Amino acid sequence: MGFSKLKVFKQSQEDKNLIHFLSCLQLAEKFQESYFSSCNSQIQQVIDEFNTRFDDIESLKSSLLLYNNPLGATIEDQPP
């Protein structure tokens, strides 16, 4: 889903390797290393909220594909 970068960011800050997040890396170097680790619980809350709010979209994915790209949709997956 769209929140994959958020998961990567969370894992990166846990590993203390923000090389893929240059602005965050600069902030961490400028202030202190624990700058983002204090946000860990908030990041997890956002990830959980994404999971909750967009759970319905995954179930509608095959139906939406029919209207978005009719030639790419699997007919067997469509409701009668």
N, C-alpha and C. Protein backbone atom coordinates (compact mmCIF):
# COMPACT_ATOMS: atom_id res chain seq x y z
N MET A 1 0.83 -1.18 0.00
CA MET A 1 0.00 0.00 0.00
C MET A 1 0.87 1.24 0.00
N GLY A 2 0.21 2.40 0.08
CA GLY A 2 0.89 3.66 -0.02
C GLY A 2 1.73 4.02 1.18
N PHE A 3 1.60 3.30 2.24
CA PHE A 3 2.34 3.65 3.44
C PHE A 3 3.61 2.82 3.59
N SER A 4 4.09 2.23 2.51
CA SER A 4 5.31 1.44 2.56
C SER A 4 6.51 2.28 2.97
N LYS A 5 6.56 3.52 2.50
CA LYS A 5 7.68 4.40 2.88
C LYS A 5 7.68 4.65 4.38
N LEU A 6 6.51 4.74 4.95
CA LEU A 6 6.42 4.95 6.40
C LEU A 6 6.99 3.75 7.15
N LYS A 7 6.70 2.56 6.67
CA LYS A 7 7.27 1.35 7.29
C LYS A 7 8.79 1.32 7.13
N VAL A 8 9.26 1.70 5.94
CA VAL A 8 10.71 1.75 5.71
C VAL A 8 11.35 2.78 6.62
N PHE A 9 10.71 3.94 6.76
CA PHE A 9 11.24 4.97 7.65
C PHE A 9 11.32 4.49 9.08
N LYS A 10 10.27 3.84 9.55
CA LYS A 10 10.26 3.33 10.93
C LYS A 10 11.38 2.33 11.14
N GLN A 11 11.54 1.41 10.19
CA GLN A 11 12.61 0.42 10.32
C GLN A 11 13.99 1.08 10.24
N SER A 12 14.12 2.06 9.36
CA SER A 12 15.40 2.77 9.21
C SER A 12 15.79 3.51 10.48
N GLN A 13 14.83 4.17 11.08
CA GLN A 13 15.16 4.91 12.30
C GLN A 13 15.42 3.96 13.46
N GLU A 14 14.78 2.79 13.48
CA GLU A 14 15.08 1.80 14.51
C GLU A 14 16.49 1.25 14.34
N ASP A 15 16.90 1.09 13.06
CA ASP A 15 18.25 0.59 12.77
C ASP A 15 19.30 1.70 12.83
N LYS A 16 18.84 2.95 13.07
CA LYS A 16 19.71 4.12 13.09
C LYS A 16 20.48 4.27 11.78
N ASN A 17 19.75 4.06 10.67
CA ASN A 17 20.31 4.17 9.34
C ASN A 17 19.34 4.96 8.47
N LEU A 18 19.44 6.28 8.50
CA LEU A 18 18.52 7.15 7.77
C LEU A 18 19.09 7.59 6.42
N ILE A 19 19.93 6.79 5.83
CA ILE A 19 20.61 7.17 4.59
C ILE A 19 19.62 7.44 3.45
N HIS A 20 18.48 6.79 3.45
CA HIS A 20 17.48 6.99 2.39
C HIS A 20 16.55 8.17 2.68
N PHE A 21 16.72 8.78 3.83
CA PHE A 21 15.91 9.93 4.23
C PHE A 21 16.88 11.06 4.59
N LEU A 22 17.38 11.72 3.55
CA LEU A 22 18.48 12.68 3.74
C LEU A 22 18.12 13.84 4.66
N SER A 23 16.93 14.38 4.54
CA SER A 23 16.54 15.49 5.42
C SER A 23 16.50 15.03 6.87
N CYS A 24 15.99 13.84 7.09
CA CYS A 24 15.93 13.30 8.46
C CYS A 24 17.34 12.99 8.97
N LEU A 25 18.19 12.53 8.10
CA LEU A 25 19.57 12.25 8.47
C LEU A 25 20.27 13.53 8.91
N GLN A 26 20.05 14.61 8.17
CA GLN A 26 20.65 15.90 8.53
C GLN A 26 20.12 16.40 9.87
N LEU A 27 18.81 16.24 10.10
CA LEU A 27 18.24 16.64 11.39
C LEU A 27 18.81 15.80 12.53
N ALA A 28 18.94 14.51 12.30
CA ALA A 28 19.46 13.62 13.34
C ALA A 28 20.91 13.97 13.67
N GLU A 29 21.69 14.32 12.65
CA GLU A 29 23.08 14.71 12.89
C GLU A 29 23.17 16.06 13.59
N LYS A 30 22.27 16.97 13.22
CA LYS A 30 22.31 18.32 13.78
C LYS A 30 21.88 18.34 15.25
N PHE A 31 20.83 17.62 15.56
CA PHE A 31 20.32 17.64 16.93
C PHE A 31 20.91 16.49 17.72
N GLN A 32 20.20 15.43 17.79
CA GLN A 32 20.70 14.26 18.51
C GLN A 32 20.14 13.01 17.87
N GLU A 33 20.80 11.92 18.11
CA GLU A 33 20.43 10.67 17.45
C GLU A 33 19.05 10.19 17.87
N SER A 34 18.63 10.52 19.06
CA SER A 34 17.34 10.05 19.56
C SER A 34 16.18 10.93 19.10
N TYR A 35 16.44 11.87 18.21
CA TYR A 35 15.43 12.81 17.74
C TYR A 35 14.21 12.10 17.17
N PHE A 36 14.41 11.07 16.35
CA PHE A 36 13.30 10.36 15.73
C PHE A 36 12.85 9.15 16.52
N SER A 37 13.69 8.62 17.36
CA SER A 37 13.29 7.45 18.14
C SER A 37 12.18 7.79 19.13
N SER A 38 12.08 9.05 19.51
CA SER A 38 11.00 9.45 20.40
C SER A 38 9.65 9.46 19.68
N CYS A 39 9.68 9.43 18.35
CA CYS A 39 8.45 9.43 17.54
C CYS A 39 8.00 8.03 17.17
N ASN A 40 8.68 7.02 17.64
CA ASN A 40 8.42 5.65 17.23
C ASN A 40 6.97 5.23 17.48
N SER A 41 6.43 5.55 18.64
CA SER A 41 5.05 5.14 18.93
C SER A 41 4.06 5.88 18.04
N GLN A 42 4.33 7.16 17.74
CA GLN A 42 3.44 7.91 16.85
C GLN A 42 3.48 7.36 15.43
N ILE A 43 4.65 6.96 14.98
CA ILE A 43 4.78 6.37 13.65
C ILE A 43 3.98 5.08 13.58
N GLN A 44 4.07 4.26 14.62
CA GLN A 44 3.31 3.01 14.65
C GLN A 44 1.81 3.28 14.67
N GLN A 45 1.38 4.33 15.36
CA GLN A 45 -0.04 4.69 15.38
C GLN A 45 -0.53 5.08 13.99
N VAL A 46 0.29 5.80 13.24
CA VAL A 46 -0.08 6.18 11.88
C VAL A 46 -0.17 4.95 10.99
N ILE A 47 0.77 4.03 11.12
CA ILE A 47 0.74 2.79 10.35
C ILE A 47 -0.52 2.00 10.67
N ASP A 48 -0.84 1.89 11.95
CA ASP A 48 -2.06 1.18 12.36
C ASP A 48 -3.31 1.86 11.81
N GLU A 49 -3.31 3.19 11.80
CA GLU A 49 -4.46 3.93 11.29
C GLU A 49 -4.63 3.71 9.79
N PHE A 50 -3.52 3.69 9.06
CA PHE A 50 -3.58 3.38 7.63
C PHE A 50 -4.17 1.99 7.42
N ASN A 51 -3.71 1.02 8.20
CA ASN A 51 -4.23 -0.35 8.08
C ASN A 51 -5.73 -0.39 8.31
N THR A 52 -6.21 0.34 9.30
CA THR A 52 -7.62 0.34 9.63
C THR A 52 -8.46 1.05 8.57
N ARG A 53 -8.02 2.22 8.17
CA ARG A 53 -8.82 3.05 7.26
C ARG A 53 -8.86 2.50 5.84
N PHE A 54 -7.78 1.92 5.39
CA PHE A 54 -7.71 1.49 4.00
C PHE A 54 -7.90 -0.01 3.83
N ASP A 55 -8.35 -0.68 4.87
CA ASP A 55 -8.60 -2.12 4.80
C ASP A 55 -9.71 -2.43 3.80
N ASP A 56 -10.75 -1.59 3.75
CA ASP A 56 -11.86 -1.80 2.83
C ASP A 56 -11.45 -1.67 1.38
N ILE A 57 -10.49 -0.83 1.11
CA ILE A 57 -10.06 -0.61 -0.28
C ILE A 57 -9.48 -1.90 -0.86
N GLU A 58 -8.76 -2.64 -0.06
CA GLU A 58 -8.16 -3.89 -0.55
C GLU A 58 -9.25 -4.87 -0.98
N SER A 59 -10.37 -4.91 -0.26
CA SER A 59 -11.45 -5.81 -0.63
C SER A 59 -12.17 -5.36 -1.90
N LEU A 60 -12.10 -4.07 -2.22
CA LEU A 60 -12.74 -3.53 -3.42
C LEU A 60 -11.80 -3.48 -4.62
N LYS A 61 -10.57 -3.88 -4.43
CA LYS A 61 -9.55 -3.73 -5.46
C LYS A 61 -9.94 -4.37 -6.79
N SER A 62 -10.44 -5.60 -6.78
CA SER A 62 -10.77 -6.28 -8.03
C SER A 62 -11.94 -5.60 -8.73
N SER A 63 -12.91 -5.10 -7.96
CA SER A 63 -14.05 -4.40 -8.57
C SER A 63 -13.61 -3.08 -9.17
N LEU A 64 -12.73 -2.37 -8.49
CA LEU A 64 -12.26 -1.08 -8.99
C LEU A 64 -11.39 -1.26 -10.24
N LEU A 65 -10.67 -2.35 -10.29
CA LEU A 65 -9.82 -2.62 -11.46
C LEU A 65 -10.66 -2.78 -12.72
N LEU A 66 -11.84 -3.34 -12.59
CA LEU A 66 -12.73 -3.51 -13.73
C LEU A 66 -13.07 -2.16 -14.36
N TYR A 67 -13.29 -1.14 -13.56
CA TYR A 67 -13.63 0.18 -14.08
C TYR A 67 -12.40 0.99 -14.47
N ASN A 68 -11.32 0.76 -13.80
CA ASN A 68 -10.09 1.49 -14.09
C ASN A 68 -9.40 0.96 -15.34
N ASN A 69 -9.34 -0.35 -15.47
CA ASN A 69 -8.68 -0.99 -16.61
C ASN A 69 -9.45 -2.26 -16.97
N PRO A 70 -10.53 -2.14 -17.74
CA PRO A 70 -11.38 -3.30 -18.02
C PRO A 70 -10.64 -4.45 -18.71
N LEU A 71 -9.66 -4.12 -19.53
CA LEU A 71 -8.94 -5.19 -20.24
C LEU A 71 -7.95 -5.91 -19.34
N GLY A 72 -7.56 -5.29 -18.25
CA GLY A 72 -6.61 -5.91 -17.32
C GLY A 72 -7.26 -6.62 -16.16
N ALA A 73 -8.58 -6.48 -16.02
CA ALA A 73 -9.29 -7.11 -14.91
C ALA A 73 -9.54 -8.59 -15.19
N THR A 74 -9.42 -9.39 -14.15
CA THR A 74 -9.72 -10.81 -14.25
C THR A 74 -11.22 -11.00 -14.11
N ILE A 75 -11.84 -11.52 -15.13
CA ILE A 75 -13.29 -11.67 -15.16
C ILE A 75 -13.76 -12.62 -14.06
N GLU A 76 -12.99 -13.66 -13.79
CA GLU A 76 -13.40 -14.64 -12.79
C GLU A 76 -13.47 -14.02 -11.39
N ASP A 77 -12.73 -12.96 -11.15
CA ASP A 77 -12.72 -12.32 -9.84
C ASP A 77 -13.86 -11.31 -9.66
N GLN A 78 -14.61 -11.04 -10.71
CA GLN A 78 -15.66 -10.04 -10.63
C GLN A 78 -16.96 -10.64 -10.11
N PRO A 79 -17.69 -9.86 -9.33
CA PRO A 79 -18.99 -10.36 -8.85
C PRO A 79 -20.00 -10.46 -9.97
N PRO A 80 -20.98 -11.34 -9.84
CA PRO A 80 -21.97 -11.50 -10.91
C PRO A 80 -22.79 -10.23 -11.02
